[in-house]
PDB file of N, CA and C in Angstrom:
ATOM      1  N   MET A   1      -8.341  19.711   2.091  1.00  0.00           N
ATOM      2  CA  MET A   1      -8.718  18.907   1.171  1.00  0.00           C
ATOM      3  C   MET A   1      -9.466  17.893   1.337  1.00  0.00           C
ATOM      4  N   SER A   2     -10.400  17.314   0.510  1.00  0.00           N
ATOM      5  CA  SER A   2     -11.734  16.413   0.697  1.00  0.00           C
ATOM      6  C   SER A   2     -10.462  15.334   0.722  1.00  0.00           C
ATOM      7  N   PRO A   3     -11.388  13.916   1.228  1.00  0.00           N
ATOM      8  CA  PRO A   3     -10.275  12.975   1.513  1.00  0.00           C
ATOM      9  C   PRO A   3     -10.308  12.171   0.047  1.00  0.00           C
ATOM     10  N   ARG A   4     -10.687  12.003  -0.626  1.00  0.00           N
ATOM     11  CA  ARG A   4     -10.704  11.627  -2.269  1.00  0.00           C
ATOM     12  C   ARG A   4      -9.636  12.351  -2.878  1.00  0.00           C
ATOM     13  N   LEU A   5      -9.315  13.448  -2.642  1.00  0.00           N
ATOM     14  CA  LEU A   5      -8.289  14.227  -3.413  1.00  0.00           C
ATOM     15  C   LEU A   5      -7.238  13.963  -2.771  1.00  0.00           C
ATOM     16  N   ALA A   6      -7.062  13.427  -1.226  1.00  0.00           N
ATOM     17  CA  ALA A   6      -6.171  13.171  -0.669  1.00  0.00           C
ATOM     18  C   ALA A   6      -5.673  11.807  -1.010  1.00  0.00           C
ATOM     19  N   VAL A   7      -6.481  10.994  -1.474  1.00  0.00           N
ATOM     20  CA  VAL A   7      -6.052   9.701  -1.793  1.00  0.00           C
ATOM     21  C   VAL A   7      -5.447   9.853  -2.986  1.00  0.00           C
ATOM     22  N   VAL A   8      -6.019  10.642  -4.063  1.00  0.00           N
ATOM     23  CA  VAL A   8      -5.385  10.661  -5.136  1.00  0.00           C
ATOM     24  C   VAL A   8      -3.715  11.433  -5.319  1.00  0.00           C
ATOM     25  N   ALA A   9      -3.812  12.349  -4.531  1.00  0.00           N
ATOM     26  CA  ALA A   9      -2.320  13.050  -4.815  1.00  0.00           C
ATOM     27  C   ALA A   9      -1.620  12.043  -3.974  1.00  0.00           C
ATOM     28  N   LEU A  10      -1.701  11.231  -2.624  1.00  0.00           N
ATOM     29  CA  LEU A  10      -0.842  10.486  -2.350  1.00  0.00           C
ATOM     30  C   LEU A  10      -0.516   9.532  -3.054  1.00  0.00           C
ATOM     31  N   ALA A  11      -1.542   8.573  -3.964  1.00  0.00           N
ATOM     32  CA  ALA A  11      -1.334   7.864  -5.173  1.00  0.00           C
ATOM     33  C   ALA A  11      -0.151   8.291  -6.075  1.00  0.00           C
ATOM     34  N   ALA A  12      -0.475   9.855  -6.332  1.00  0.00           N
ATOM     35  CA  ALA A  12       0.307  10.118  -7.745  1.00  0.00           C
ATOM     36  C   ALA A  12       2.112  10.114  -6.925  1.00  0.00           C
ATOM     37  N   VAL A  13       2.091  10.805  -5.497  1.00  0.00           N
ATOM     38  CA  VAL A  13       3.253  10.803  -5.119  1.00  0.00           C
ATOM     39  C   VAL A  13       4.092   9.296  -4.658  1.00  0.00           C
ATOM     40  N   LEU A  14       3.235   8.488  -4.700  1.00  0.00           N
ATOM     41  CA  LEU A  14       3.576   7.005  -4.458  1.00  0.00           C
ATOM     42  C   LEU A  14       3.815   6.711  -6.244  1.00  0.00           C
ATOM     43  N   ALA A  15       3.385   6.848  -6.910  1.00  0.00           N
ATOM     44  CA  ALA A  15       3.428   6.309  -7.879  1.00  0.00           C
ATOM     45  C   ALA A  15       5.056   6.889  -8.455  1.00  0.00           C
ATOM     46  N   VAL A  16       5.340   7.967  -8.094  1.00  0.00           N
ATOM     47  CA  VAL A  16       6.663   8.157  -8.344  1.00  0.00           C
ATOM     48  C   VAL A  16       7.513   8.097  -7.654  1.00  0.00           C
ATOM     49  N   MET A  17       7.108   7.482  -6.545  1.00  0.00           N
ATOM     50  CA  MET A  17       8.362   6.678  -5.755  1.00  0.00           C
ATOM     51  C   MET A  17       8.818   5.589  -5.951  1.00  0.00           C
ATOM     52  N   ALA A  18       7.628   4.618  -6.970  1.00  0.00           N
ATOM     53  CA  ALA A  18       7.725   3.169  -7.452  1.00  0.00           C
ATOM     54  C   ALA A  18       8.722   3.111  -8.269  1.00  0.00           C
ATOM     55  N   ALA A  19       9.290   3.935  -8.725  1.00  0.00           N
ATOM     56  CA  ALA A  19      10.451   4.150  -9.994  1.00  0.00           C
ATOM     57  C   ALA A  19      11.694   3.061  -9.711  1.00  0.00           C
ATOM     58  N   PRO A  20      12.066   2.269 -10.385  1.00  0.00           N
ATOM     59  CA  PRO A  20      13.111   0.983 -10.042  1.00  0.00           C
ATOM     60  C   PRO A  20      13.752   1.927  -8.937  1.00  0.00           C
ATOM     61  N   THR A  21      14.188   1.443  -7.764  1.00  0.00           N
ATOM     62  CA  THR A  21      14.864   1.333  -6.831  1.00  0.00           C
ATOM     63  C   THR A  21      16.007   0.258  -6.426  1.00  0.00           C
ATOM     64  N   ARG A  22      17.081   0.576  -6.109  1.00  0.00           N
ATOM     65  CA  ARG A  22      18.025  -0.324  -5.507  1.00  0.00           C
ATOM     66  C   ARG A  22      18.256  -0.647  -4.086  1.00  0.00           C
ATOM     67  N   ALA A  23      17.924  -1.825  -3.743  1.00  0.00           N
ATOM     68  CA  ALA A  23      18.354  -1.590  -1.720  1.00  0.00           C
ATOM     69  C   ALA A  23      19.373  -0.684  -1.486  1.00  0.00           C
ATOM     70  N   GLY A  24      20.292  -0.472  -2.250  1.00  0.00           N
ATOM     71  CA  GLY A  24      21.376   0.086  -1.496  1.00  0.00           C
ATOM     72  C   GLY A  24      20.799   1.593  -1.483  1.00  0.00           C
ATOM     73  N   ASP A  25      20.173   1.930  -2.089  1.00  0.00           N
ATOM     74  CA  ASP A  25      19.713   3.495  -2.181  1.00  0.00           C
ATOM     75  C   ASP A  25      18.380   3.747  -0.758  1.00  0.00           C
ATOM     76  N   LEU A  26      17.927   3.107  -0.160  1.00  0.00           N
ATOM     77  CA  LEU A  26      17.169   2.777   1.079  1.00  0.00           C
ATOM     78  C   LEU A  26      17.657   3.215   1.818  1.00  0.00           C
ATOM     79  N   LYS A  27      17.311   4.134   3.052  1.00  0.00           N
ATOM     80  CA  LYS A  27      17.642   4.910   4.169  1.00  0.00           C
ATOM     81  C   LYS A  27      16.524   4.444   5.069  1.00  0.00           C
ATOM     82  N   PRO A  28      16.920   4.629   6.235  1.00  0.00           N
ATOM     83  CA  PRO A  28      16.123   4.198   7.383  1.00  0.00           C
ATOM     84  C   PRO A  28      15.505   5.466   7.601  1.00  0.00           C
ATOM     85  N   TRP A  29      14.527   5.521   8.276  1.00  0.00           N
ATOM     86  CA  TRP A  29      13.305   6.353   8.858  1.00  0.00           C
ATOM     87  C   TRP A  29      14.021   6.981   9.938  1.00  0.00           C
ATOM     88  N   ALA A  30      14.127   8.146   9.775  1.00  0.00           N
ATOM     89  CA  ALA A  30      14.735   8.945  10.749  1.00  0.00           C
ATOM     90  C   ALA A  30      13.559  10.016  11.318  1.00  0.00           C
ATOM     91  N   GLY A  31      12.582  10.056  10.897  1.00  0.00           N
ATOM     92  CA  GLY A  31      11.377  11.203  11.403  1.00  0.00           C
ATOM     93  C   GLY A  31      10.725  10.547  12.790  1.00  0.00           C
ATOM     94  N   GLY A  32      10.964   9.720  13.537  1.00  0.00           N
ATOM     95  CA  GLY A  32      10.389   9.327  14.908  1.00  0.00           C
ATOM     96  C   GLY A  32       9.413   8.758  14.898  1.00  0.00           C
ATOM     97  N   PRO A  33       9.049   7.967  15.741  1.00  0.00           N
ATOM     98  CA  PRO A  33       7.961   6.972  15.375  1.00  0.00           C
ATOM     99  C   PRO A  33       6.879   7.085  14.556  1.00  0.00           C
ATOM    100  N   PRO A  34       6.388   5.951  13.775  1.00  0.00           N
ATOM    101  CA  PRO A  34       5.561   6.076  12.638  1.00  0.00           C
ATOM    102  C   PRO A  34       3.881   6.148  13.381  1.00  0.00           C
ATOM    103  N   SER A  35       3.169   6.616  12.875  1.00  0.00           N
ATOM    104  CA  SER A  35       1.767   6.195  13.635  1.00  0.00           C
ATOM    105  C   SER A  35       1.213   4.814  13.573  1.00  0.00           C
ATOM    106  N   PRO A  36       0.747   4.740  14.506  1.00  0.00           N
ATOM    107  CA  PRO A  36       0.360   3.178  14.673  1.00  0.00           C
ATOM    108  C   PRO A  36      -0.813   3.023  13.799  1.00  0.00           C
ATOM    109  N   LEU A  37      -0.653   1.387  13.488  1.00  0.00           N
ATOM    110  CA  LEU A  37      -1.248   1.267  12.091  1.00  0.00           C
ATOM    111  C   LEU A  37      -1.921  -0.294  12.608  1.00  0.00           C
ATOM    112  N   LEU A  38      -3.283  -0.796  12.739  1.00  0.00           N
ATOM    113  CA  LEU A  38      -3.394  -1.933  12.719  1.00  0.00           C
ATOM    114  C   LEU A  38      -4.856  -1.906  11.853  1.00  0.00           C
ATOM    115  N   LEU A  39      -4.728  -2.998  10.950  1.00  0.00           N
ATOM    116  CA  LEU A  39      -5.565  -3.230  10.169  1.00  0.00           C
ATOM    117  C   LEU A  39      -5.692  -4.565   9.939  1.00  0.00           C
ATOM    118  N   LYS A  40      -7.182  -5.217   9.703  1.00  0.00           N
ATOM    119  CA  LYS A  40      -6.961  -6.528   8.859  1.00  0.00           C
ATOM    120  C   LYS A  40      -7.194  -6.620   7.430  1.00  0.00           C
ATOM    121  N   ASP A  41      -6.382  -8.014   6.683  1.00  0.00           N
ATOM    122  CA  ASP A  41      -6.970  -8.131   5.115  1.00  0.00           C
ATOM    123  C   ASP A  41      -7.940  -8.662   4.849  1.00  0.00           C
ATOM    124  N   LEU A  42      -8.214  -9.052   3.832  1.00  0.00           N
ATOM    125  CA  LEU A  42      -9.285  -9.572   3.455  1.00  0.00           C
ATOM    126  C   LEU A  42      -9.739 -10.640   4.242  1.00  0.00           C
ATOM    127  N   SER A  43      -8.731 -11.522   4.399  1.00  0.00           N
ATOM    128  CA  SER A  43      -9.417 -12.922   4.989  1.00  0.00           C
ATOM    129  C   SER A  43      -9.374 -12.707   6.821  1.00  0.00           C
ATOM    130  N   GLY A  44      -9.155 -11.764   7.362  1.00  0.00           N
ATOM    131  CA  GLY A  44      -9.652 -11.201   8.700  1.00  0.00           C
ATOM    132  C   GLY A  44      -8.189 -11.370   9.372  1.00  0.00           C
ATOM    133  N   LYS A  45      -6.744 -11.402   8.896  1.00  0.00           N
ATOM    134  CA  LYS A  45      -5.657 -11.204   9.672  1.00  0.00           C
ATOM    135  C   LYS A  45      -5.160 -10.238   9.739  1.00  0.00           C
ATOM    136  N   ASP A  46      -5.003  -9.657  11.339  1.00  0.00           N
ATOM    137  CA  ASP A  46      -4.680  -8.469  11.628  1.00  0.00           C
ATOM    138  C   ASP A  46      -3.138  -8.546  10.741  1.00  0.00           C
ATOM    139  N   HIS A  47      -2.782  -7.007  10.697  1.00  0.00           N
ATOM    140  CA  HIS A  47      -1.591  -6.260  10.183  1.00  0.00           C
ATOM    141  C   HIS A  47      -1.460  -5.443  11.210  1.00  0.00           C
ATOM    142  N   ARG A  48       0.066  -4.969  11.295  1.00  0.00           N
ATOM    143  CA  ARG A  48       0.314  -4.197  12.572  1.00  0.00           C
ATOM    144  C   ARG A  48       1.434  -3.350  12.036  1.00  0.00           C
ATOM    145  N   LEU A  49       1.841  -2.550  11.759  1.00  0.00           N
ATOM    146  CA  LEU A  49       2.630  -1.803  11.141  1.00  0.00           C
ATOM    147  C   LEU A  49       3.882  -2.178  11.946  1.00  0.00           C
ATOM    148  N   GLU A  50       4.151  -2.199  13.285  1.00  0.00           N
ATOM    149  CA  GLU A  50       5.062  -2.794  13.895  1.00  0.00           C
ATOM    150  C   GLU A  50       5.517  -4.199  14.123  1.00  0.00           C
ATOM    151  N   ASP A  51       4.649  -4.857  13.157  1.00  0.00           N
ATOM    152  CA  ASP A  51       5.449  -6.167  12.659  1.00  0.00           C
ATOM    153  C   ASP A  51       6.103  -6.262  11.370  1.00  0.00           C
ATOM    154  N   TYR A  52       6.218  -4.972  10.827  1.00  0.00           N
ATOM    155  CA  TYR A  52       7.097  -4.998   9.780  1.00  0.00           C
ATOM    156  C   TYR A  52       8.548  -4.100  10.516  1.00  0.00           C
ATOM    157  N   ARG A  53       8.632  -4.070  11.345  1.00  0.00           N
ATOM    158  CA  ARG A  53       9.920  -3.405  12.516  1.00  0.00           C
ATOM    159  C   ARG A  53      11.337  -3.794  11.535  1.00  0.00           C
ATOM    160  N   GLY A  54      12.010  -2.847  11.016  1.00  0.00           N
ATOM    161  CA  GLY A  54      13.313  -3.345  10.429  1.00  0.00           C
ATOM    162  C   GLY A  54      13.277  -3.325   8.595  1.00  0.00           C
ATOM    163  N   LYS A  55      11.862  -3.358   8.449  1.00  0.00           N
ATOM    164  CA  LYS A  55      11.956  -3.495   6.673  1.00  0.00           C
ATOM    165  C   LYS A  55      11.366  -1.732   6.502  1.00  0.00           C
ATOM    166  N   VAL A  56      11.459  -1.578   4.892  1.00  0.00           N
ATOM    167  CA  VAL A  56      11.096  -0.693   4.622  1.00  0.00           C
ATOM    168  C   VAL A  56       9.605  -0.859   3.775  1.00  0.00           C
ATOM    169  N   VAL A  57       8.756   0.324   4.370  1.00  0.00           N
ATOM    170  CA  VAL A  57       7.698  -0.366   4.328  1.00  0.00           C
ATOM    171  C   VAL A  57       6.540   0.712   3.199  1.00  0.00           C
ATOM    172  N   VAL A  58       6.387   0.535   2.422  1.00  0.00           N
ATOM    173  CA  VAL A  58       5.182   1.539   1.800  1.00  0.00           C
ATOM    174  C   VAL A  58       3.927   1.102   1.723  1.00  0.00           C
ATOM    175  N   VAL A  59       3.310   2.592   2.675  1.00  0.00           N
ATOM    176  CA  VAL A  59       1.763   1.973   2.902  1.00  0.00           C
ATOM    177  C   VAL A  59       1.178   3.006   2.049  1.00  0.00           C
ATOM    178  N   ASN A  60       0.461   2.274   0.789  1.00  0.00           N
ATOM    179  CA  ASN A  60      -0.435   2.891  -0.014  1.00  0.00           C
ATOM    180  C   ASN A  60      -1.864   3.362   0.275  1.00  0.00           C
ATOM    181  N   PHE A  61      -2.452   3.907   0.277  1.00  0.00           N
ATOM    182  CA  PHE A  61      -3.695   4.210   0.147  1.00  0.00           C
ATOM    183  C   PHE A  61      -4.260   4.109  -0.826  1.00  0.00           C
ATOM    184  N   TRP A  62      -5.121   3.780  -1.080  1.00  0.00           N
ATOM    185  CA  TRP A  62      -6.117   3.349  -2.361  1.00  0.00           C
ATOM    186  C   TRP A  62      -7.504   3.089  -2.541  1.00  0.00           C
ATOM    187  N   ALA A  63      -8.186   3.273  -3.552  1.00  0.00           N
ATOM    188  CA  ALA A  63      -9.510   2.815  -3.518  1.00  0.00           C
ATOM    189  C   ALA A  63     -10.152   2.256  -5.160  1.00  0.00           C
ATOM    190  N   THR A  64     -11.032   1.308  -5.515  1.00  0.00           N
ATOM    191  CA  THR A  64     -11.081   1.110  -6.691  1.00  0.00           C
ATOM    192  C   THR A  64     -11.693   1.915  -7.151  1.00  0.00           C
ATOM    193  N   TRP A  65     -12.373   3.196  -7.177  1.00  0.00           N
ATOM    194  CA  TRP A  65     -12.790   4.492  -7.705  1.00  0.00           C
ATOM    195  C   TRP A  65     -11.916   5.375  -8.374  1.00  0.00           C
ATOM    196  N   CYS A  66     -10.660   5.242  -7.474  1.00  0.00           N
ATOM    197  CA  CYS A  66      -9.518   6.230  -8.067  1.00  0.00           C
ATOM    198  C   CYS A  66      -8.573   5.421  -9.115  1.00  0.00           C
ATOM    199  N   GLU A  67      -8.913   6.215 -10.500  1.00  0.00           N
ATOM    200  CA  GLU A  67      -8.018   5.562 -11.737  1.00  0.00           C
ATOM    201  C   GLU A  67      -6.573   5.650 -11.158  1.00  0.00           C
ATOM    202  N   PRO A  68      -5.653   6.745 -11.092  1.00  0.00           N
ATOM    203  CA  PRO A  68      -4.721   6.324 -10.521  1.00  0.00           C
ATOM    204  C   PRO A  68      -3.936   5.279  -9.549  1.00  0.00           C
ATOM    205  N   CYS A  69      -5.264   4.998  -8.649  1.00  0.00           N
ATOM    206  CA  CYS A  69      -4.590   4.182  -7.817  1.00  0.00           C
ATOM    207  C   CYS A  69      -4.641   2.777  -8.475  1.00  0.00           C
ATOM    208  N   ARG A  70      -5.874   2.613  -9.107  1.00  0.00           N
ATOM    209  CA  ARG A  70      -5.757   0.966 -10.118  1.00  0.00           C
ATOM    210  C   ARG A  70      -4.645   1.138 -10.923  1.00  0.00           C
ATOM    211  N   ALA A  71      -4.189   2.140 -11.604  1.00  0.00           N
ATOM    212  CA  ALA A  71      -3.195   1.977 -12.491  1.00  0.00           C
ATOM    213  C   ALA A  71      -1.749   1.875 -12.247  1.00  0.00           C
ATOM    214  N   GLU A  72      -1.482   2.264 -11.044  1.00  0.00           N
ATOM    215  CA  GLU A  72      -0.430   2.145 -10.489  1.00  0.00           C
ATOM    216  C   GLU A  72      -0.419   0.434  -9.655  1.00  0.00           C
ATOM    217  N   MET A  73      -1.289  -0.391  -9.428  1.00  0.00           N
ATOM    218  CA  MET A  73      -1.192  -1.506  -8.840  1.00  0.00           C
ATOM    219  C   MET A  73       0.118  -2.364  -9.239  1.00  0.00           C
ATOM    220  N   PRO A  74       0.131  -2.813 -10.633  1.00  0.00           N
ATOM    221  CA  PRO A  74       0.975  -3.170 -11.302  1.00  0.00           C
ATOM    222  C   PRO A  74       2.286  -2.772 -11.134  1.00  0.00           C
ATOM    223  N   SER A  75       2.593  -1.594 -11.130  1.00  0.00           N
ATOM    224  CA  SER A  75       4.113  -1.022 -10.571  1.00  0.00           C
ATOM    225  C   SER A  75       4.153  -1.287  -9.458  1.00  0.00           C
ATOM    226  N   PHE A  76       3.547  -1.685  -8.407  1.00  0.00           N
ATOM    227  CA  PHE A  76       3.643  -1.765  -7.222  1.00  0.00           C
ATOM    228  C   PHE A  76       4.247  -3.327  -7.155  1.00  0.00           C
ATOM    229  N   ASN A  77       3.902  -4.145  -7.735  1.00  0.00           N
ATOM    230  CA  ASN A  77       3.884  -5.564  -8.116  1.00  0.00           C
ATOM    231  C   ASN A  77       4.979  -5.892  -8.587  1.00  0.00           C
ATOM    232  N   ARG A  78       5.904  -4.743  -9.303  1.00  0.00           N
ATOM    233  CA  ARG A  78       7.122  -4.786 -10.406  1.00  0.00           C
ATOM    234  C   ARG A  78       7.924  -4.384  -9.315  1.00  0.00           C
ATOM    235  N   LEU A  79       7.822  -3.240  -8.179  1.00  0.00           N
ATOM    236  CA  LEU A  79       8.468  -2.904  -7.213  1.00  0.00           C
ATOM    237  C   LEU A  79       8.833  -4.088  -6.439  1.00  0.00           C
ATOM    238  N   LYS A  80       7.656  -4.759  -5.806  1.00  0.00           N
ATOM    239  CA  LYS A  80       7.707  -5.826  -4.838  1.00  0.00           C
ATOM    240  C   LYS A  80       8.858  -6.817  -5.593  1.00  0.00           C
ATOM    241  N   ALA A  81       8.659  -7.382  -6.553  1.00  0.00           N
ATOM    242  CA  ALA A  81       9.488  -8.237  -7.131  1.00  0.00           C
ATOM    243  C   ALA A  81      11.079  -7.526  -7.568  1.00  0.00           C
ATOM    244  N   GLN A  82      10.764  -6.400  -7.670  1.00  0.00           N
ATOM    245  CA  GLN A  82      12.552  -6.025  -7.733  1.00  0.00           C
ATOM    246  C   GLN A  82      13.343  -6.046  -6.192  1.00  0.00           C
ATOM    247  N   MET A  83      12.586  -5.754  -5.282  1.00  0.00           N
ATOM    248  CA  MET A  83      12.913  -5.914  -4.249  1.00  0.00           C
ATOM    249  C   MET A  83      13.035  -7.183  -3.456  1.00  0.00           C
ATOM    250  N   ALA A  84      12.742  -8.033  -3.690  1.00  0.00           N
ATOM    251  CA  ALA A  84      12.481  -9.240  -3.359  1.00  0.00           C
ATOM    252  C   ALA A  84      13.898  -9.732  -2.083  1.00  0.00           C
ATOM    253  N   ASP A  85      14.808  -9.396  -2.808  1.00  0.00           N
ATOM    254  CA  ASP A  85      15.994  -9.774  -1.572  1.00  0.00           C
ATOM    255  C   ASP A  85      16.411  -8.577  -0.581  1.00  0.00           C
ATOM    256  N   ALA A  86      15.307  -7.648  -0.318  1.00  0.00           N
ATOM    257  CA  ALA A  86      15.748  -6.701   0.253  1.00  0.00           C
ATOM    258  C   ALA A  86      14.583  -6.592   1.433  1.00  0.00           C
ATOM    259  N   PRO A  87      14.856  -6.078   2.763  1.00  0.00           N
ATOM    260  CA  PRO A  87      13.741  -6.479   3.888  1.00  0.00           C
ATOM    261  C   PRO A  87      12.983  -4.807   3.494  1.00  0.00           C
ATOM    262  N   PHE A  88      11.779  -5.557   2.814  1.00  0.00           N
ATOM    263  CA  PHE A  88      10.739  -4.454   1.977  1.00  0.00           C
ATOM    264  C   PHE A  88       9.604  -4.849   2.088  1.00  0.00           C
ATOM    265  N   ALA A  89       8.498  -4.333   2.334  1.00  0.00           N
ATOM    266  CA  ALA A  89       6.946  -4.808   1.947  1.00  0.00           C
ATOM    267  C   ALA A  89       6.144  -3.610   1.493  1.00  0.00           C
ATOM    268  N   ILE A  90       4.962  -3.875   0.766  1.00  0.00           N
ATOM    269  CA  ILE A  90       4.142  -2.938   0.347  1.00  0.00           C
ATOM    270  C   ILE A  90       2.948  -3.784   1.471  1.00  0.00           C
ATOM    271  N   LEU A  91       2.359  -2.414   1.718  1.00  0.00           N
ATOM    272  CA  LEU A  91       0.987  -2.612   2.504  1.00  0.00           C
ATOM    273  C   LEU A  91      -0.273  -1.593   1.842  1.00  0.00           C
ATOM    274  N   ALA A  92      -1.227  -2.117   1.216  1.00  0.00           N
ATOM    275  CA  ALA A  92      -2.191  -1.420  -0.108  1.00  0.00           C
ATOM    276  C   ALA A  92      -3.421  -1.066   1.125  1.00  0.00           C
ATOM    277  N   VAL A  93      -3.929   0.046   1.853  1.00  0.00           N
ATOM    278  CA  VAL A  93      -4.738   0.138   2.301  1.00  0.00           C
ATOM    279  C   VAL A  93      -6.285   0.655   1.768  1.00  0.00           C
ATOM    280  N   ASN A  94      -7.056  -0.128   1.701  1.00  0.00           N
ATOM    281  CA  ASN A  94      -7.997   0.253   0.828  1.00  0.00           C
ATOM    282  C   ASN A  94      -8.683   1.285   1.671  1.00  0.00           C
ATOM    283  N   MET A  95      -9.661   2.149   1.035  1.00  0.00           N
ATOM    284  CA  MET A  95     -10.099   3.359   1.824  1.00  0.00           C
ATOM    285  C   MET A  95     -11.427   3.018   2.370  1.00  0.00           C
ATOM    286  N   GLY A  96     -12.179   2.273   2.711  1.00  0.00           N
ATOM    287  CA  GLY A  96     -13.525   2.568   3.059  1.00  0.00           C
ATOM    288  C   GLY A  96     -14.682   2.073   1.726  1.00  0.00           C
ATOM    289  N   GLU A  97     -13.929   1.026   1.216  1.00  0.00           N
ATOM    290  CA  GLU A  97     -14.763   0.225   0.208  1.00  0.00           C
ATOM    291  C   GLU A  97     -15.349  -1.277   0.897  1.00  0.00           C
ATOM    292  N   GLY A  98     -16.417  -1.956   0.173  1.00  0.00           N
ATOM    293  CA  GLY A  98     -16.669  -3.347   0.347  1.00  0.00           C
ATOM    294  C   GLY A  98     -15.706  -4.526   0.117  1.00  0.00           C
ATOM    295  N   ASP A  99     -15.786  -5.568   1.043  1.00  0.00           N
ATOM    296  CA  ASP A  99     -15.114  -6.777   0.307  1.00  0.00           C
ATOM    297  C   ASP A  99     -15.191  -7.034  -1.016  1.00  0.00           C
ATOM    298  N   GLY A 100     -16.726  -6.779  -1.162  1.00  0.00           N
ATOM    299  CA  GLY A 100     -16.957  -7.409  -2.953  1.00  0.00           C
ATOM    300  C   GLY A 100     -16.622  -6.716  -3.956  1.00  0.00           C
ATOM    301  N   ARG A 101     -16.275  -5.366  -3.579  1.00  0.00           N
ATOM    302  CA  ARG A 101     -15.870  -4.199  -4.657  1.00  0.00           C
ATOM    303  C   ARG A 101     -14.257  -4.584  -4.799  1.00  0.00           C
ATOM    304  N   ILE A 102     -13.453  -4.732  -3.451  1.00  0.00           N
ATOM    305  CA  ILE A 102     -12.399  -4.946  -3.568  1.00  0.00           C
ATOM    306  C   ILE A 102     -11.631  -6.102  -4.248  1.00  0.00           C
ATOM    307  N   LYS A 103     -12.558  -7.673  -4.147  1.00  0.00           N
ATOM    308  CA  LYS A 103     -12.127  -8.453  -4.297  1.00  0.00           C
ATOM    309  C   LYS A 103     -12.538  -8.681  -5.605  1.00  0.00           C
ATOM    310  N   ALA A 104     -13.464  -7.860  -6.327  1.00  0.00           N
ATOM    311  CA  ALA A 104     -13.581  -7.915  -7.986  1.00  0.00           C
ATOM    312  C   ALA A 104     -12.791  -7.271  -8.257  1.00  0.00           C
ATOM    313  N   PHE A 105     -12.031  -5.955  -7.968  1.00  0.00           N
ATOM    314  CA  PHE A 105     -10.906  -5.789  -8.439  1.00  0.00           C
ATOM    315  C   PHE A 105     -10.026  -6.128  -8.842  1.00  0.00           C
ATOM    316  N   LEU A 106      -9.580  -7.213  -7.302  1.00  0.00           N
ATOM    317  CA  LEU A 106      -8.171  -7.948  -7.447  1.00  0.00           C
ATOM    318  C   LEU A 106      -8.539  -9.179  -8.436  1.00  0.00           C
ATOM    319  N   GLU A 107      -9.563  -9.611  -8.517  1.00  0.00           N
ATOM    320  CA  GLU A 107      -9.910 -10.786  -9.699  1.00  0.00           C
ATOM    321  C   GLU A 107      -9.195  -9.980 -11.018  1.00  0.00           C
ATOM    322  N   LYS A 108      -9.604  -9.002 -10.979  1.00  0.00           N
ATOM    323  CA  LYS A 108      -8.858  -8.674 -12.369  1.00  0.00           C
ATOM    324  C   LYS A 108      -7.346  -7.865 -12.537  1.00  0.00           C
ATOM    325  N   THR A 109      -7.063  -7.365 -11.496  1.00  0.00           N
ATOM    326  CA  THR A 109      -5.743  -7.116 -11.129  1.00  0.00           C
ATOM    327  C   THR A 109      -5.159  -7.734 -10.138  1.00  0.00           C
ATOM    328  N   PRO A 110      -4.596  -8.648  -9.896  1.00  0.00           N
ATOM    329  CA  PRO A 110      -3.999  -9.309  -8.715  1.00  0.00           C
ATOM    330  C   PRO A 110      -2.440  -8.691  -8.046  1.00  0.00           C
ATOM    331  N   VAL A 111      -2.623  -8.746  -6.854  1.00  0.00           N
ATOM    332  CA  VAL A 111      -1.307  -8.069  -6.338  1.00  0.00           C
ATOM    333  C   VAL A 111      -0.310  -9.190  -5.503  1.00  0.00           C
ATOM    334  N   ASP A 112       0.623  -8.670  -5.275  1.00  0.00           N
ATOM    335  CA  ASP A 112       1.625  -9.847  -4.528  1.00  0.00           C
ATOM    336  C   ASP A 112       1.770  -9.239  -3.233  1.00  0.00           C
ATOM    337  N   PHE A 113       1.153  -8.652  -2.567  1.00  0.00           N
ATOM    338  CA  PHE A 113       0.975  -8.058  -1.119  1.00  0.00           C
ATOM    339  C   PHE A 113       0.008  -7.834  -0.422  1.00  0.00           C
ATOM    340  N   PRO A 114      -0.051  -7.447   0.724  1.00  0.00           N
ATOM    341  CA  PRO A 114      -1.274  -7.756   1.575  1.00  0.00           C
ATOM    342  C   PRO A 114      -2.104  -6.320   1.175  1.00  0.00           C
ATOM    343  N   VAL A 115      -3.512  -6.691   1.020  1.00  0.00           N
ATOM    344  CA  VAL A 115      -4.318  -5.961   0.890  1.00  0.00           C
ATOM    345  C   VAL A 115      -5.338  -5.107   2.157  1.00  0.00           C
ATOM    346  N   LEU A 116      -5.313  -4.292   2.927  1.00  0.00           N
ATOM    347  CA  LEU A 116      -5.917  -3.949   4.162  1.00  0.00           C
ATOM    348  C   LEU A 116      -6.876  -3.346   4.245  1.00  0.00           C
ATOM    349  N   LEU A 117      -7.596  -3.483   4.855  1.00  0.00           N
ATOM    350  CA  LEU A 117      -9.183  -3.017   5.045  1.00  0.00           C
ATOM    351  C   LEU A 117      -9.281  -1.729   6.296  1.00  0.00           C
ATOM    352  N   ASP A 118      -9.476  -0.364   5.902  1.00  0.00           N
ATOM    353  CA  ASP A 118      -9.487   0.810   6.610  1.00  0.00           C
ATOM    354  C   ASP A 118     -11.028   1.085   6.354  1.00  0.00           C
ATOM    355  N   ARG A 119     -12.028   0.406   7.247  1.00  0.00           N
ATOM    356  CA  ARG A 119     -13.629   0.369   6.895  1.00  0.00           C
ATOM    357  C   ARG A 119     -13.891   1.852   6.914  1.00  0.00           C
ATOM    358  N   ASP A 120     -13.379   2.414   7.995  1.00  0.00           N
ATOM    359  CA  ASP A 120     -14.157   3.940   8.081  1.00  0.00           C
ATOM    360  C   ASP A 120     -13.415   5.057   7.609  1.00  0.00           C
ATOM    361  N   SER A 121     -12.132   4.542   6.810  1.00  0.00           N
ATOM    362  CA  SER A 121     -11.228   5.696   5.950  1.00  0.00           C
ATOM    363  C   SER A 121     -10.739   6.742   7.279  1.00  0.00           C
ATOM    364  N   ALA A 122     -10.472   6.094   8.487  1.00  0.00           N
ATOM    365  CA  ALA A 122      -9.913   7.206   9.289  1.00  0.00           C
ATOM    366  C   ALA A 122      -7.964   6.697   9.264  1.00  0.00           C
TER     367      ALA A 122
END
């Protein structure tokens, strides 16, 4: 599967998962240790998945060229607002795009969660 197709497929799955959820419906991860994640946000701050231990974390892989990715961002904002009182976080991992392109998108579609940079799409 191509990286772009994988991003689109994952975005579609996450969009379905972003449907209204109650904090009581969330279950702890039982699939073993998650993959390590260490990425910087647009301001250069490091974000490690382990820093979010004890929270439910949605890791959304996206790109500005991905139409479903762009369309789902407002639903992630709504989900974050609905989960405001729960131990919950969203991390949006941009796949290999430059800061200018990402910032231009975020000016039109602001988000209330960290946007992390996967510079080499690893």
